[in-house]
């Protein structure tokens, strides 16, 4: 290993980047150096520009693939080599097209899962649909992550190295118990061929392509398609957007808001179609002893979606808390949030 590669790996380890990110960044810098057959520390903005044009024009890579190369080169030159560059100008990143996912219907999901013959693969894909987990999170589940008393599944160090809990439906629990009695997996709930390692997501993706052809489903099917179906089907069933955001593990509510454009049983506000995300409901000026803090609700106690008088904006957990604090100060007879 060259000193330059070792230094880059150490820089990524100091910043606690995941092992997969380290592997991808190193491989991208190696490909860049091999393209010019020179050490990357002697290459500059002119070579970077030529290489990005090569990826765009000759190799015809998607913008999502090129952005990985851009991120790796930015880290290498600005962090490892400490070049005083303006990365937006010297290592530009292309704009990515905003596309909505193609979502399977409930009947298509049931037909697809029923056609998977391999027991382990069928259980993994069912977990992805029933809980909304990413395939990288589902394959790394352990038996201890299944909490049957609280009916939740603990996701440890998911995307972004964040822990979270997702719901555990009773039917999924029965399926997992049947799978456990048949296989007795051991350390990993879904072990792979290599001892001590979980099953590879690539093998699950390969199964999806094969089963899709057998079922005759015209839509693209991948493990992540079941995660999209989970979110859209919950939204169509009346689950609020904030709950779906927490279950999916999205950092920003705007990422979850894209499913509002796909759900069929929800009418979309004009502002949301232009790209905004929901804003909390305004307080009514009327004060009623029956309704806390003067918030107006229908007689049946349910808030129609979207509620009257709502405005929409980009939101986050921090802004939501600030809104709650401001609302509490306006409430008659309340000095703050208990």
C-alpha atoms as a PDB file:
ATOM      1  CA  UNK A   1       0.000   0.000   0.000  1.00  0.00           C
ATOM      2  CA  UNK A   2       1.387   3.376  -1.006  1.00  0.00           C
ATOM      3  CA  UNK A   3       1.824   6.104   1.643  1.00  0.00           C
ATOM      4  CA  UNK A   4      -0.692   8.284  -0.207  1.00  0.00           C
ATOM      5  CA  UNK A   5      -3.407   5.612  -0.114  1.00  0.00           C
ATOM      6  CA  UNK A   6      -2.671   4.869   3.534  1.00  0.00           C
ATOM      7  CA  UNK A   7      -2.999   8.553   4.387  1.00  0.00           C
ATOM      8  CA  UNK A   8      -6.344   8.810   2.606  1.00  0.00           C
ATOM      9  CA  UNK A   9      -7.672   5.745   4.424  1.00  0.00           C
ATOM     10  CA  UNK A  10      -6.512   7.156   7.751  1.00  0.00           C
ATOM     11  CA  UNK A  11      -8.265  10.470   6.982  1.00  0.00           C
ATOM     12  CA  UNK A  12     -11.499   8.587   6.327  1.00  0.00           C
ATOM     13  CA  UNK A  13     -11.097   6.504   9.480  1.00  0.00           C
ATOM     14  CA  UNK A  14     -10.584   9.656  11.568  1.00  0.00           C
ATOM     15  CA  UNK A  15     -13.851  11.015  10.182  1.00  0.00           C
ATOM     16  CA  UNK A  16     -15.572   7.707  10.958  1.00  0.00           C
ATOM     17  CA  UNK A  17     -16.680   7.002   7.395  1.00  0.00           C
ATOM     18  CA  UNK A  18     -18.152   3.566   6.840  1.00  0.00           C
ATOM     19  CA  UNK A  19     -16.050   0.729   5.471  1.00  0.00           C
ATOM     20  CA  UNK A  20     -18.089   0.715   2.267  1.00  0.00           C
ATOM     21  CA  UNK A  21     -17.542   4.456   1.755  1.00  0.00           C
ATOM     22  CA  UNK A  22     -13.813   4.019   2.277  1.00  0.00           C
ATOM     23  CA  UNK A  23     -13.673   1.210  -0.271  1.00  0.00           C
ATOM     24  CA  UNK A  24     -15.655   3.169  -2.865  1.00  0.00           C
ATOM     25  CA  UNK A  25     -13.635   6.386  -2.432  1.00  0.00           C
ATOM     26  CA  UNK A  26     -10.316   4.583  -2.781  1.00  0.00           C
ATOM     27  CA  UNK A  27     -11.468   2.695  -5.874  1.00  0.00           C
ATOM     28  CA  UNK A  28     -12.679   5.926  -7.530  1.00  0.00           C
ATOM     29  CA  UNK A  29      -9.346   7.674  -6.957  1.00  0.00           C
ATOM     30  CA  UNK A  30      -7.493   4.612  -8.274  1.00  0.00           C
ATOM     31  CA  UNK A  31      -9.587   4.612 -11.459  1.00  0.00           C
ATOM     32  CA  UNK A  32      -8.913   8.314 -11.917  1.00  0.00           C
ATOM     33  CA  UNK A  33      -5.147   7.767 -11.592  1.00  0.00           C
ATOM     34  CA  UNK A  34      -5.173   4.725 -13.893  1.00  0.00           C
ATOM     35  CA  UNK A  35      -7.002   6.709 -16.587  1.00  0.00           C
ATOM     36  CA  UNK A  36      -4.010   9.071 -16.885  1.00  0.00           C
ATOM     37  CA  UNK A  37      -1.421   6.489 -15.733  1.00  0.00           C
ATOM     38  CA  UNK A  38      -0.023   8.962 -13.250  1.00  0.00           C
ATOM     39  CA  UNK A  39      -0.036   9.430  -9.509  1.00  0.00           C
ATOM     40  CA  UNK A  40      -3.125  11.431  -8.476  1.00  0.00           C
ATOM     41  CA  UNK A  41      -1.078  13.948  -6.498  1.00  0.00           C
ATOM     42  CA  UNK A  42       0.457  15.292  -9.759  1.00  0.00           C
ATOM     43  CA  UNK A  43      -2.934  15.704 -11.454  1.00  0.00           C
ATOM     44  CA  UNK A  44      -4.968  18.874 -11.214  1.00  0.00           C
ATOM     45  CA  UNK A  45      -8.237  20.574 -12.204  1.00  0.00           C
ATOM     46  CA  UNK A  46      -7.553  20.203 -15.941  1.00  0.00           C
ATOM     47  CA  UNK A  47      -7.259  16.414 -15.643  1.00  0.00           C
ATOM     48  CA  UNK A  48     -10.304  16.254 -13.384  1.00  0.00           C
ATOM     49  CA  UNK A  49     -12.346  18.161 -15.947  1.00  0.00           C
ATOM     50  CA  UNK A  50     -11.177  15.861 -18.755  1.00  0.00           C
ATOM     51  CA  UNK A  51     -11.981  12.762 -16.675  1.00  0.00           C
ATOM     52  CA  UNK A  52     -15.494  13.952 -15.842  1.00  0.00           C
ATOM     53  CA  UNK A  53     -16.107  14.650 -19.529  1.00  0.00           C
ATOM     54  CA  UNK A  54     -14.872  11.127 -20.283  1.00  0.00           C
ATOM     55  CA  UNK A  55     -17.350   9.646 -17.814  1.00  0.00           C
ATOM     56  CA  UNK A  56     -20.195  11.745 -19.211  1.00  0.00           C
ATOM     57  CA  UNK A  57     -19.603  11.548 -22.965  1.00  0.00           C
ATOM     58  CA  UNK A  58     -17.786   8.279 -23.591  1.00  0.00           C
ATOM     59  CA  UNK A  59     -18.871   6.017 -20.768  1.00  0.00           C
ATOM     60  CA  UNK A  60     -22.322   7.676 -20.537  1.00  0.00           C
ATOM     61  CA  UNK A  61     -22.596   7.186 -16.794  1.00  0.00           C
ATOM     62  CA  UNK A  62     -25.627   8.470 -14.929  1.00  0.00           C
ATOM     63  CA  UNK A  63     -25.350  11.624 -12.833  1.00  0.00           C
ATOM     64  CA  UNK A  64     -25.839   9.545  -9.685  1.00  0.00           C
ATOM     65  CA  UNK A  65     -22.738   7.497 -10.577  1.00  0.00           C
ATOM     66  CA  UNK A  66     -20.622  10.522 -11.459  1.00  0.00           C
ATOM     67  CA  UNK A  67     -21.465  12.228  -8.159  1.00  0.00           C
ATOM     68  CA  UNK A  68     -19.727   9.348  -6.354  1.00  0.00           C
ATOM     69  CA  UNK A  69     -16.541  10.055  -8.308  1.00  0.00           C
ATOM     70  CA  UNK A  70     -16.868  13.764  -7.579  1.00  0.00           C
ATOM     71  CA  UNK A  71     -17.267  13.139  -3.841  1.00  0.00           C
ATOM     72  CA  UNK A  72     -14.228  10.864  -3.760  1.00  0.00           C
ATOM     73  CA  UNK A  73     -12.033  13.361  -5.648  1.00  0.00           C
ATOM     74  CA  UNK A  74     -13.206  16.236  -3.468  1.00  0.00           C
ATOM     75  CA  UNK A  75     -12.270  14.327  -0.341  1.00  0.00           C
ATOM     76  CA  UNK A  76      -8.890  13.281  -1.714  1.00  0.00           C
ATOM     77  CA  UNK A  77      -7.774  16.710  -2.901  1.00  0.00           C
ATOM     78  CA  UNK A  78      -9.258  18.931  -0.199  1.00  0.00           C
ATOM     79  CA  UNK A  79      -8.779  16.691   2.856  1.00  0.00           C
ATOM     80  CA  UNK A  80      -5.864  14.365   2.127  1.00  0.00           C
ATOM     81  CA  UNK A  81      -3.793  16.675  -0.092  1.00  0.00           C
ATOM     82  CA  UNK A  82      -5.191  19.886   1.445  1.00  0.00           C
ATOM     83  CA  UNK A  83      -5.384  21.690  -1.899  1.00  0.00           C
ATOM     84  CA  UNK A  84      -6.788  25.223  -1.485  1.00  0.00           C
ATOM     85  CA  UNK A  85      -9.347  24.759  -4.232  1.00  0.00           C
ATOM     86  CA  UNK A  86     -12.904  25.960  -4.600  1.00  0.00           C
ATOM     87  CA  UNK A  87     -14.438  22.531  -5.007  1.00  0.00           C
ATOM     88  CA  UNK A  88     -17.633  23.793  -6.651  1.00  0.00           C
ATOM     89  CA  UNK A  89     -15.527  25.248  -9.507  1.00  0.00           C
ATOM     90  CA  UNK A  90     -12.531  22.917  -9.690  1.00  0.00           C
ATOM     91  CA  UNK A  91     -14.441  19.661  -9.076  1.00  0.00           C
ATOM     92  CA  UNK A  92     -17.992  20.426 -10.262  1.00  0.00           C
ATOM     93  CA  UNK A  93     -20.922  18.116  -9.624  1.00  0.00           C
ATOM     94  CA  UNK A  94     -23.663  17.666 -12.217  1.00  0.00           C
ATOM     95  CA  UNK A  95     -27.349  18.108 -11.499  1.00  0.00           C
ATOM     96  CA  UNK A  96     -29.282  14.925 -10.887  1.00  0.00           C
ATOM     97  CA  UNK A  97     -32.649  14.301 -12.474  1.00  0.00           C
ATOM     98  CA  UNK A  98     -35.512  14.105  -9.993  1.00  0.00           C
ATOM     99  CA  UNK A  99     -37.460  10.943 -10.724  1.00  0.00           C
ATOM    100  CA  UNK A 100     -40.350   9.407  -8.837  1.00  0.00           C
ATOM    101  CA  UNK A 101     -40.141   5.690  -8.039  1.00  0.00           C
ATOM    102  CA  UNK A 102     -42.451   3.191  -9.715  1.00  0.00           C
ATOM    103  CA  UNK A 103     -44.553   1.633  -6.932  1.00  0.00           C
ATOM    104  CA  UNK A 104     -46.034  -1.853  -6.886  1.00  0.00           C
ATOM    105  CA  UNK A 105     -49.672  -2.315  -5.949  1.00  0.00           C
ATOM    106  CA  UNK A 106     -50.695  -4.515  -3.021  1.00  0.00           C
ATOM    107  CA  UNK A 107     -51.735  -7.294  -5.379  1.00  0.00           C
ATOM    108  CA  UNK A 108     -48.427  -7.127  -7.237  1.00  0.00           C
ATOM    109  CA  UNK A 109     -46.477  -7.286  -3.970  1.00  0.00           C
ATOM    110  CA  UNK A 110     -48.442 -10.329  -2.812  1.00  0.00           C
ATOM    111  CA  UNK A 111     -47.992 -12.042  -6.185  1.00  0.00           C
ATOM    112  CA  UNK A 112     -44.277 -11.273  -6.208  1.00  0.00           C
ATOM    113  CA  UNK A 113     -43.560 -12.479  -2.667  1.00  0.00           C
ATOM    114  CA  UNK A 114     -45.633 -15.613  -3.195  1.00  0.00           C
ATOM    115  CA  UNK A 115     -43.513 -16.557  -6.214  1.00  0.00           C
ATOM    116  CA  UNK A 116     -40.192 -16.540  -4.319  1.00  0.00           C
ATOM    117  CA  UNK A 117     -39.288 -20.190  -3.748  1.00  0.00           C
ATOM    118  CA  UNK A 118     -36.181 -19.696  -1.599  1.00  0.00           C
ATOM    119  CA  UNK A 119     -37.338 -19.459   2.030  1.00  0.00           C
ATOM    120  CA  UNK A 120     -34.529 -17.191   3.196  1.00  0.00           C
ATOM    121  CA  UNK A 121     -34.918 -14.809   0.268  1.00  0.00           C
ATOM    122  CA  UNK A 122     -38.699 -14.697   0.698  1.00  0.00           C
ATOM    123  CA  UNK A 123     -38.382 -13.802   4.381  1.00  0.00           C
ATOM    124  CA  UNK A 124     -35.791 -11.093   3.657  1.00  0.00           C
ATOM    125  CA  UNK A 125     -38.007  -9.495   1.007  1.00  0.00           C
ATOM    126  CA  UNK A 126     -41.047  -9.753   3.271  1.00  0.00           C
ATOM    127  CA  UNK A 127     -39.113  -7.936   5.997  1.00  0.00           C
ATOM    128  CA  UNK A 128     -38.284  -5.161   3.509  1.00  0.00           C
ATOM    129  CA  UNK A 129     -41.958  -4.701   2.643  1.00  0.00           C
ATOM    130  CA  UNK A 130     -43.467  -5.169   6.118  1.00  0.00           C
ATOM    131  CA  UNK A 131     -41.012  -2.846   7.893  1.00  0.00           C
ATOM    132  CA  UNK A 132     -39.660  -0.542   5.177  1.00  0.00           C
ATOM    133  CA  UNK A 133     -36.040  -1.492   5.845  1.00  0.00           C
ATOM    134  CA  UNK A 134     -33.325  -0.965   3.294  1.00  0.00           C
ATOM    135  CA  UNK A 135     -31.904  -4.200   1.941  1.00  0.00           C
ATOM    136  CA  UNK A 136     -28.542  -3.385   3.538  1.00  0.00           C
ATOM    137  CA  UNK A 137     -30.325  -3.103   6.903  1.00  0.00           C
ATOM    138  CA  UNK A 138     -32.508  -6.190   6.468  1.00  0.00           C
ATOM    139  CA  UNK A 139     -29.672  -8.597   5.649  1.00  0.00           C
ATOM    140  CA  UNK A 140     -27.718  -7.485   8.738  1.00  0.00           C
ATOM    141  CA  UNK A 141     -30.467  -8.191  11.247  1.00  0.00           C
ATOM    142  CA  UNK A 142     -29.616 -10.395  14.213  1.00  0.00           C
ATOM    143  CA  UNK A 143     -32.001 -12.567  16.254  1.00  0.00           C
ATOM    144  CA  UNK A 144     -31.564 -10.234  19.228  1.00  0.00           C
ATOM    145  CA  UNK A 145     -32.943  -7.331  17.152  1.00  0.00           C
ATOM    146  CA  UNK A 146     -36.401  -8.926  17.107  1.00  0.00           C
ATOM    147  CA  UNK A 147     -38.270  -7.699  20.195  1.00  0.00           C
ATOM    148  CA  UNK A 148     -41.469  -9.762  20.309  1.00  0.00           C
ATOM    149  CA  UNK A 149     -42.573  -8.274  23.653  1.00  0.00           C
ATOM    150  CA  UNK A 150     -42.658  -4.698  22.369  1.00  0.00           C
ATOM    151  CA  UNK A 151     -43.394  -5.796  18.779  1.00  0.00           C
ATOM    152  CA  UNK A 152     -40.547  -3.762  17.298  1.00  0.00           C
ATOM    153  CA  UNK A 153     -37.338  -4.444  15.394  1.00  0.00           C
ATOM    154  CA  UNK A 154     -34.179  -2.607  16.371  1.00  0.00           C
ATOM    155  CA  UNK A 155     -32.104  -1.415  13.414  1.00  0.00           C
ATOM    156  CA  UNK A 156     -28.535  -0.922  14.594  1.00  0.00           C
ATOM    157  CA  UNK A 157     -26.258   1.441  12.703  1.00  0.00           C
ATOM    158  CA  UNK A 158     -28.354   1.787   9.570  1.00  0.00           C
ATOM    159  CA  UNK A 159     -27.688   4.304   6.827  1.00  0.00           C
ATOM    160  CA  UNK A 160     -25.853   7.289   8.262  1.00  0.00           C
ATOM    161  CA  UNK A 161     -24.848   5.156  11.266  1.00  0.00           C
ATOM    162  CA  UNK A 162     -28.157   5.797  13.001  1.00  0.00           C
ATOM    163  CA  UNK A 163     -30.137   3.418  15.213  1.00  0.00           C
ATOM    164  CA  UNK A 164     -33.914   3.307  15.014  1.00  0.00           C
ATOM    165  CA  UNK A 165     -36.904   1.096  15.755  1.00  0.00           C
ATOM    166  CA  UNK A 166     -39.484  -0.098  13.238  1.00  0.00           C
ATOM    167  CA  UNK A 167     -42.775  -1.854  13.794  1.00  0.00           C
ATOM    168  CA  UNK A 168     -43.060  -5.655  13.872  1.00  0.00           C
ATOM    169  CA  UNK A 169     -46.400  -6.836  12.429  1.00  0.00           C
ATOM    170  CA  UNK A 170     -47.804 -10.020  14.046  1.00  0.00           C
ATOM    171  CA  UNK A 171     -47.858 -11.902  10.728  1.00  0.00           C
ATOM    172  CA  UNK A 172     -44.201 -11.079  10.150  1.00  0.00           C
ATOM    173  CA  UNK A 173     -43.379 -12.316  13.662  1.00  0.00           C
ATOM    174  CA  UNK A 174     -45.084 -15.631  12.894  1.00  0.00           C
ATOM    175  CA  UNK A 175     -43.109 -15.922   9.662  1.00  0.00           C
ATOM    176  CA  UNK A 176     -39.831 -15.186  11.439  1.00  0.00           C
ATOM    177  CA  UNK A 177     -40.581 -17.781  14.117  1.00  0.00           C
ATOM    178  CA  UNK A 178     -41.351 -20.394  11.465  1.00  0.00           C
ATOM    179  CA  UNK A 179     -38.146 -19.460   9.619  1.00  0.00           C
ATOM    180  CA  UNK A 180     -36.150 -19.740  12.870  1.00  0.00           C
ATOM    181  CA  UNK A 181     -37.526 -23.195  13.660  1.00  0.00           C
ATOM    182  CA  UNK A 182     -36.670 -24.435  10.181  1.00  0.00           C
ATOM    183  CA  UNK A 183     -33.176 -22.991   9.773  1.00  0.00           C
ATOM    184  CA  UNK A 184     -31.713 -22.040  13.219  1.00  0.00           C
ATOM    185  CA  UNK A 185     -29.500 -19.396  11.552  1.00  0.00           C
ATOM    186  CA  UNK A 186     -27.166 -18.474  14.429  1.00  0.00           C
ATOM    187  CA  UNK A 187     -25.297 -15.157  14.700  1.00  0.00           C
ATOM    188  CA  UNK A 188     -26.991 -13.502  11.705  1.00  0.00           C
ATOM    189  CA  UNK A 189     -30.693 -13.875  11.061  1.00  0.00           C
ATOM    190  CA  UNK A 190     -29.924 -14.314   7.353  1.00  0.00           C
ATOM    191  CA  UNK A 191     -26.452 -15.877   7.095  1.00  0.00           C
ATOM    192  CA  UNK A 192     -24.582 -16.003   3.795  1.00  0.00           C
ATOM    193  CA  UNK A 193     -22.344 -18.590   2.233  1.00  0.00           C
ATOM    194  CA  UNK A 194     -19.235 -17.215   3.907  1.00  0.00           C
ATOM    195  CA  UNK A 195     -19.012 -18.258   7.566  1.00  0.00           C
ATOM    196  CA  UNK A 196     -19.736 -15.408   9.953  1.00  0.00           C
ATOM    197  CA  UNK A 197     -21.090 -13.106   7.219  1.00  0.00           C
ATOM    198  CA  UNK A 198     -24.705 -12.149   6.388  1.00  0.00           C
ATOM    199  CA  UNK A 199     -26.248 -12.848   3.015  1.00  0.00           C
ATOM    200  CA  UNK A 200     -25.163 -10.536   0.202  1.00  0.00           C
ATOM    201  CA  UNK A 201     -27.706  -7.957  -1.028  1.00  0.00           C
ATOM    202  CA  UNK A 202     -26.617  -8.808  -4.580  1.00  0.00           C
ATOM    203  CA  UNK A 203     -28.054 -12.310  -4.278  1.00  0.00           C
ATOM    204  CA  UNK A 204     -31.401 -10.863  -3.150  1.00  0.00           C
ATOM    205  CA  UNK A 205     -31.354  -8.434  -6.066  1.00  0.00           C
ATOM    206  CA  UNK A 206     -30.680 -11.309  -8.458  1.00  0.00           C
ATOM    207  CA  UNK A 207     -33.650 -13.188  -7.058  1.00  0.00           C
ATOM    208  CA  UNK A 208     -35.872 -10.142  -7.625  1.00  0.00           C
ATOM    209  CA  UNK A 209     -34.973 -10.017 -11.304  1.00  0.00           C
ATOM    210  CA  UNK A 210     -35.626 -13.719 -11.780  1.00  0.00           C
ATOM    211  CA  UNK A 211     -38.957 -13.736  -9.928  1.00  0.00           C
ATOM    212  CA  UNK A 212     -40.125 -10.605 -11.753  1.00  0.00           C
ATOM    213  CA  UNK A 213     -39.765 -12.389 -15.081  1.00  0.00           C
ATOM    214  CA  UNK A 214     -41.608 -15.432 -13.759  1.00  0.00           C
ATOM    215  CA  UNK A 215     -44.511 -13.335 -12.469  1.00  0.00           C
ATOM    216  CA  UNK A 216     -44.746 -11.243 -15.613  1.00  0.00           C
ATOM    217  CA  UNK A 217     -44.741  -7.967 -13.705  1.00  0.00           C
ATOM    218  CA  UNK A 218     -44.054  -5.116 -16.099  1.00  0.00           C
ATOM    219  CA  UNK A 219     -42.741  -2.735 -13.440  1.00  0.00           C
ATOM    220  CA  UNK A 220     -39.107  -2.783 -12.303  1.00  0.00           C
ATOM    221  CA  UNK A 221     -38.733  -4.784  -9.097  1.00  0.00           C
ATOM    222  CA  UNK A 222     -35.808  -4.535  -6.695  1.00  0.00           C
ATOM    223  CA  UNK A 223     -35.533  -4.848  -2.905  1.00  0.00           C
ATOM    224  CA  UNK A 224     -35.807  -1.062  -2.658  1.00  0.00           C
ATOM    225  CA  UNK A 225     -39.095  -1.199  -4.589  1.00  0.00           C
ATOM    226  CA  UNK A 226     -40.648  -2.936  -1.589  1.00  0.00           C
ATOM    227  CA  UNK A 227     -39.495  -0.079   0.639  1.00  0.00           C
ATOM    228  CA  UNK A 228     -41.222   2.400  -1.697  1.00  0.00           C
ATOM    229  CA  UNK A 229     -44.366   0.263  -1.652  1.00  0.00           C
ATOM    230  CA  UNK A 230     -44.281   0.175   2.161  1.00  0.00           C
ATOM    231  CA  UNK A 231     -44.251   3.979   2.380  1.00  0.00           C
ATOM    232  CA  UNK A 232     -46.921   4.590  -0.259  1.00  0.00           C
ATOM    233  CA  UNK A 233     -49.284   1.929   1.079  1.00  0.00           C
ATOM    234  CA  UNK A 234     -48.975   3.350   4.602  1.00  0.00           C
ATOM    235  CA  UNK A 235     -49.701   6.834   3.296  1.00  0.00           C
ATOM    236  CA  UNK A 236     -52.744   5.625   1.392  1.00  0.00           C
ATOM    237  CA  UNK A 237     -53.969   3.912   4.576  1.00  0.00           C
ATOM    238  CA  UNK A 238     -53.947   7.253   6.415  1.00  0.00           C
ATOM    239  CA  UNK A 239     -50.612   7.196   8.273  1.00  0.00           C
ATOM    240  CA  UNK A 240     -49.195  10.675   8.840  1.00  0.00           C
ATOM    241  CA  UNK A 241     -46.052  11.737   7.011  1.00  0.00           C
ATOM    242  CA  UNK A 242     -43.947  12.304  10.147  1.00  0.00           C
ATOM    243  CA  UNK A 243     -44.496   8.713  11.316  1.00  0.00           C
ATOM    244  CA  UNK A 244     -43.473   7.378   7.915  1.00  0.00           C
ATOM    245  CA  UNK A 245     -40.352   9.546   8.018  1.00  0.00           C
ATOM    246  CA  UNK A 246     -39.310   8.038  11.352  1.00  0.00           C
ATOM    247  CA  UNK A 247     -39.989   4.487  10.184  1.00  0.00           C
ATOM    248  CA  UNK A 248     -37.964   4.969   7.012  1.00  0.00           C
ATOM    249  CA  UNK A 249     -35.118   6.740   8.795  1.00  0.00           C
ATOM    250  CA  UNK A 250     -35.136   9.786   6.518  1.00  0.00           C
ATOM    251  CA  UNK A 251     -33.151  12.758   7.723  1.00  0.00           C
ATOM    252  CA  UNK A 252     -35.347  15.362   6.003  1.00  0.00           C
ATOM    253  CA  UNK A 253     -39.108  15.395   5.745  1.00  0.00           C
ATOM    254  CA  UNK A 254     -38.811  16.582   2.142  1.00  0.00           C
ATOM    255  CA  UNK A 255     -37.398  13.162   1.200  1.00  0.00           C
ATOM    256  CA  UNK A 256     -40.503  11.458   2.561  1.00  0.00           C
ATOM    257  CA  UNK A 257     -42.790  14.058   0.975  1.00  0.00           C
ATOM    258  CA  UNK A 258     -42.088  12.675  -2.496  1.00  0.00           C
ATOM    259  CA  UNK A 259     -44.481   9.814  -1.720  1.00  0.00           C
ATOM    260  CA  UNK A 260     -47.322  12.336  -1.503  1.00  0.00           C
ATOM    261  CA  UNK A 261     -47.017  12.721  -5.277  1.00  0.00           C
ATOM    262  CA  UNK A 262     -47.452   8.957  -5.756  1.00  0.00           C
ATOM    263  CA  UNK A 263     -50.208   8.055  -3.306  1.00  0.00           C
ATOM    264  CA  UNK A 264     -53.543   7.665  -5.062  1.00  0.00           C
ATOM    265  CA  UNK A 265     -55.944   8.319  -2.184  1.00  0.00           C
ATOM    266  CA  UNK A 266     -54.557  11.714  -1.185  1.00  0.00           C
ATOM    267  CA  UNK A 267     -55.355  15.037  -2.842  1.00  0.00           C
ATOM    268  CA  UNK A 268     -52.210  17.108  -3.205  1.00  0.00           C
ATOM    269  CA  UNK A 269     -52.082  20.833  -2.422  1.00  0.00           C
ATOM    270  CA  UNK A 270     -50.752  23.009  -5.283  1.00  0.00           C
ATOM    271  CA  UNK A 271     -47.790  24.226  -3.201  1.00  0.00           C
ATOM    272  CA  UNK A 272     -46.703  20.664  -2.507  1.00  0.00           C
ATOM    273  CA  UNK A 273     -46.651  19.783  -6.217  1.00  0.00           C
ATOM    274  CA  UNK A 274     -44.177  22.623  -6.674  1.00  0.00           C
ATOM    275  CA  UNK A 275     -41.803  20.887  -4.272  1.00  0.00           C
ATOM    276  CA  UNK A 276     -42.637  22.021  -0.748  1.00  0.00           C
ATOM    277  CA  UNK A 277     -43.171  19.880   2.322  1.00  0.00           C
ATOM    278  CA  UNK A 278     -45.956  20.068   4.905  1.00  0.00           C
ATOM    279  CA  UNK A 279     -46.158  22.760   7.546  1.00  0.00           C
ATOM    280  CA  UNK A 280     -47.867  22.348  10.922  1.00  0.00           C
ATOM    281  CA  UNK A 281     -51.487  23.520  11.213  1.00  0.00           C
ATOM    282  CA  UNK A 282     -52.190  27.066  12.284  1.00  0.00           C
ATOM    283  CA  UNK A 283     -53.864  27.780  15.574  1.00  0.00           C
ATOM    284  CA  UNK A 284     -57.445  28.923  15.504  1.00  0.00           C
ATOM    285  CA  UNK A 285     -58.259  32.201  17.273  1.00  0.00           C
ATOM    286  CA  UNK A 286     -61.318  30.637  18.819  1.00  0.00           C
ATOM    287  CA  UNK A 287     -60.898  29.304  22.332  1.00  0.00           C
ATOM    288  CA  UNK A 288     -62.892  26.272  23.263  1.00  0.00           C
ATOM    289  CA  UNK A 289     -62.741  24.372  26.522  1.00  0.00           C
ATOM    290  CA  UNK A 290     -63.354  21.191  24.567  1.00  0.00           C
ATOM    291  CA  UNK A 291     -60.362  21.704  22.276  1.00  0.00           C
ATOM    292  CA  UNK A 292     -56.899  22.172  23.850  1.00  0.00           C
ATOM    293  CA  UNK A 293     -55.027  25.371  23.020  1.00  0.00           C
ATOM    294  CA  UNK A 294     -57.849  26.546  20.764  1.00  0.00           C
ATOM    295  CA  UNK A 295     -57.008  24.205  17.847  1.00  0.00           C
ATOM    296  CA  UNK A 296     -60.112  23.588  15.760  1.00  0.00           C
ATOM    297  CA  UNK A 297     -60.918  19.965  14.933  1.00  0.00           C
ATOM    298  CA  UNK A 298     -63.933  18.363  13.255  1.00  0.00           C
ATOM    299  CA  UNK A 299     -66.647  16.954  15.546  1.00  0.00           C
ATOM    300  CA  UNK A 300     -65.422  13.384  15.076  1.00  0.00           C
ATOM    301  CA  UNK A 301     -61.967  14.339  16.345  1.00  0.00           C
ATOM    302  CA  UNK A 302     -60.130  13.524  13.134  1.00  0.00           C
ATOM    303  CA  UNK A 303     -58.136  16.032  11.130  1.00  0.00           C
ATOM    304  CA  UNK A 304     -58.903  15.833   7.390  1.00  0.00           C
ATOM    305  CA  UNK A 305     -55.897  15.627   5.099  1.00  0.00           C
ATOM    306  CA  UNK A 306     -54.850  18.200   4.087  1.00  0.00           C
ATOM    307  CA  UNK A 307     -56.452  20.243   6.854  1.00  0.00           C
ATOM    308  CA  UNK A 308     -58.037  23.581   6.069  1.00  0.00           C
ATOM    309  CA  UNK A 309     -55.805  26.579   6.494  1.00  0.00           C
ATOM    310  CA  UNK A 310     -52.580  24.577   6.277  1.00  0.00           C
ATOM    311  CA  UNK A 311     -49.594  26.038   4.551  1.00  0.00           C
ATOM    312  CA  UNK A 312     -46.684  23.960   3.294  1.00  0.00           C
ATOM    313  CA  UNK A 313     -42.963  24.478   3.657  1.00  0.00           C
ATOM    314  CA  UNK A 314     -39.712  22.600   4.116  1.00  0.00           C
ATOM    315  CA  UNK A 315     -39.692  21.183   7.637  1.00  0.00           C
ATOM    316  CA  UNK A 316     -37.447  19.259   9.984  1.00  0.00           C
ATOM    317  CA  UNK A 317     -37.472  17.915  13.516  1.00  0.00           C
ATOM    318  CA  UNK A 318     -35.793  21.070  14.820  1.00  0.00           C
ATOM    319  CA  UNK A 319     -38.243  23.422  13.138  1.00  0.00           C
ATOM    320  CA  UNK A 320     -41.143  21.269  14.309  1.00  0.00           C
ATOM    321  CA  UNK A 321     -40.019  21.608  17.933  1.00  0.00           C
ATOM    322  CA  UNK A 322     -39.706  25.374  17.572  1.00  0.00           C
ATOM    323  CA  UNK A 323     -43.241  25.473  16.197  1.00  0.00           C
ATOM    324  CA  UNK A 324     -44.498  23.508  19.205  1.00  0.00           C
ATOM    325  CA  UNK A 325     -42.786  25.916  21.592  1.00  0.00           C
ATOM    326  CA  UNK A 326     -44.306  28.939  19.857  1.00  0.00           C
ATOM    327  CA  UNK A 327     -47.735  27.307  19.917  1.00  0.00           C
ATOM    328  CA  UNK A 328     -47.446  26.588  23.639  1.00  0.00           C
ATOM    329  CA  UNK A 329     -46.659  30.223  24.410  1.00  0.00           C
ATOM    330  CA  UNK A 330     -49.794  31.320  22.572  1.00  0.00           C
ATOM    331  CA  UNK A 331     -52.038  28.865  24.362  1.00  0.00           C
ATOM    332  CA  UNK A 332     -54.243  30.578  26.970  1.00  0.00           C
ATOM    333  CA  UNK A 333     -53.418  29.523  30.486  1.00  0.00           C
ATOM    334  CA  UNK A 334     -50.211  27.727  29.582  1.00  0.00           C
ATOM    335  CA  UNK A 335     -46.764  29.071  30.302  1.00  0.00           C
ATOM    336  CA  UNK A 336     -44.827  26.561  28.276  1.00  0.00           C
ATOM    337  CA  UNK A 337     -44.421  22.936  27.337  1.00  0.00           C
ATOM    338  CA  UNK A 338     -44.502  20.596  30.365  1.00  0.00           C
END
